[in-house]
Amino acid sequence: MGLKTVMKAAPIGETEDNRLILEFQIRVLTVLVNRGVLSHGQLEKGLVLLKERTR
């Protein structure tokens, strides 16, 4: 599982379900970094992409 896979979840909006999806994506990114699957740079890129999607 890589950054592209994590980022393919449903579009983020204002609903409770989408907030849970966002929290899950952040947790998955964090776990992947902790296990050495993603680099810290990829984590930062993923968080920026999530931030852009929530606007």
C-alpha atoms as a PDB file:
ATOM      1  CA  MET A   1       0.000   0.000   0.000  1.00  0.00           C
ATOM      2  CA  GLY A   2       1.381   3.347  -0.980  1.00  0.00           C
ATOM      3  CA  LEU A   3       0.481   6.995  -0.966  1.00  0.00           C
ATOM      4  CA  LYS A   4      -1.668   6.717  -4.122  1.00  0.00           C
ATOM      5  CA  THR A   5      -3.733   3.913  -2.608  1.00  0.00           C
ATOM      6  CA  VAL A   6      -4.383   5.864   0.587  1.00  0.00           C
ATOM      7  CA  MET A   7      -5.416   8.960  -1.338  1.00  0.00           C
ATOM      8  CA  LYS A   8      -8.053   7.137  -3.445  1.00  0.00           C
ATOM      9  CA  ALA A   9     -10.771   7.242  -0.762  1.00  0.00           C
ATOM     10  CA  ALA A  10     -14.075   9.008  -1.322  1.00  0.00           C
ATOM     11  CA  PRO A  11     -14.016  12.795  -1.776  1.00  0.00           C
ATOM     12  CA  ILE A  12     -13.861  14.728   1.470  1.00  0.00           C
ATOM     13  CA  GLY A  13     -16.774  16.980   2.403  1.00  0.00           C
ATOM     14  CA  GLU A  14     -18.543  18.261   5.470  1.00  0.00           C
ATOM     15  CA  THR A  15     -20.387  15.078   6.459  1.00  0.00           C
ATOM     16  CA  GLU A  16     -19.546  12.947   9.482  1.00  0.00           C
ATOM     17  CA  ASP A  17     -18.663   9.982   7.242  1.00  0.00           C
ATOM     18  CA  ASN A  18     -16.175  12.050   5.284  1.00  0.00           C
ATOM     19  CA  ARG A  19     -14.597  13.326   8.501  1.00  0.00           C
ATOM     20  CA  LEU A  20     -14.080   9.715   9.563  1.00  0.00           C
ATOM     21  CA  ILE A  21     -12.537   8.913   6.167  1.00  0.00           C
ATOM     22  CA  LEU A  22     -10.137  11.840   6.612  1.00  0.00           C
ATOM     23  CA  GLU A  23      -9.146  10.666  10.105  1.00  0.00           C
ATOM     24  CA  PHE A  24      -8.621   7.137   8.790  1.00  0.00           C
ATOM     25  CA  GLN A  25      -6.413   8.362   5.926  1.00  0.00           C
ATOM     26  CA  ILE A  26      -4.253  10.347   8.362  1.00  0.00           C
ATOM     27  CA  ARG A  27      -3.906   7.312  10.638  1.00  0.00           C
ATOM     28  CA  VAL A  28      -2.994   5.048   7.707  1.00  0.00           C
ATOM     29  CA  LEU A  29      -0.365   7.529   6.491  1.00  0.00           C
ATOM     30  CA  THR A  30       1.103   7.711   9.995  1.00  0.00           C
ATOM     31  CA  VAL A  31       1.238   3.906  10.355  1.00  0.00           C
ATOM     32  CA  LEU A  32       2.889   3.538   6.953  1.00  0.00           C
ATOM     33  CA  VAL A  33       5.581   6.043   7.935  1.00  0.00           C
ATOM     34  CA  ASN A  34       6.123   4.312  11.285  1.00  0.00           C
ATOM     35  CA  ARG A  35       6.588   0.964   9.507  1.00  0.00           C
ATOM     36  CA  GLY A  36       8.994   2.470   7.006  1.00  0.00           C
ATOM     37  CA  VAL A  37       6.703   2.018   3.990  1.00  0.00           C
ATOM     38  CA  LEU A  38       6.450   5.752   3.333  1.00  0.00           C
ATOM     39  CA  SER A  39       9.084   8.402   3.903  1.00  0.00           C
ATOM     40  CA  HIS A  40       8.467  11.533   5.936  1.00  0.00           C
ATOM     41  CA  GLY A  41       8.448  13.473   2.672  1.00  0.00           C
ATOM     42  CA  GLN A  42       5.649  11.287   1.324  1.00  0.00           C
ATOM     43  CA  LEU A  43       3.736  11.810   4.586  1.00  0.00           C
ATOM     44  CA  GLU A  44       4.031  15.576   4.187  1.00  0.00           C
ATOM     45  CA  LYS A  45       2.891  15.331   0.565  1.00  0.00           C
ATOM     46  CA  GLY A  46      -0.089  13.195   1.587  1.00  0.00           C
ATOM     47  CA  LEU A  47      -1.116  15.613   4.325  1.00  0.00           C
ATOM     48  CA  VAL A  48      -0.891  18.540   1.905  1.00  0.00           C
ATOM     49  CA  LEU A  49      -3.095  16.658  -0.579  1.00  0.00           C
ATOM     50  CA  LEU A  50      -5.640  15.924   2.153  1.00  0.00           C
ATOM     51  CA  LYS A  51      -5.625  19.565   3.221  1.00  0.00           C
ATOM     52  CA  GLU A  52      -6.242  20.698  -0.367  1.00  0.00           C
ATOM     53  CA  ARG A  53      -9.132  18.234  -0.740  1.00  0.00           C
ATOM     54  CA  THR A  54     -10.876  19.550   2.378  1.00  0.00           C
ATOM     55  CA  ARG A  55     -11.091  23.141   1.149  1.00  0.00           C
END
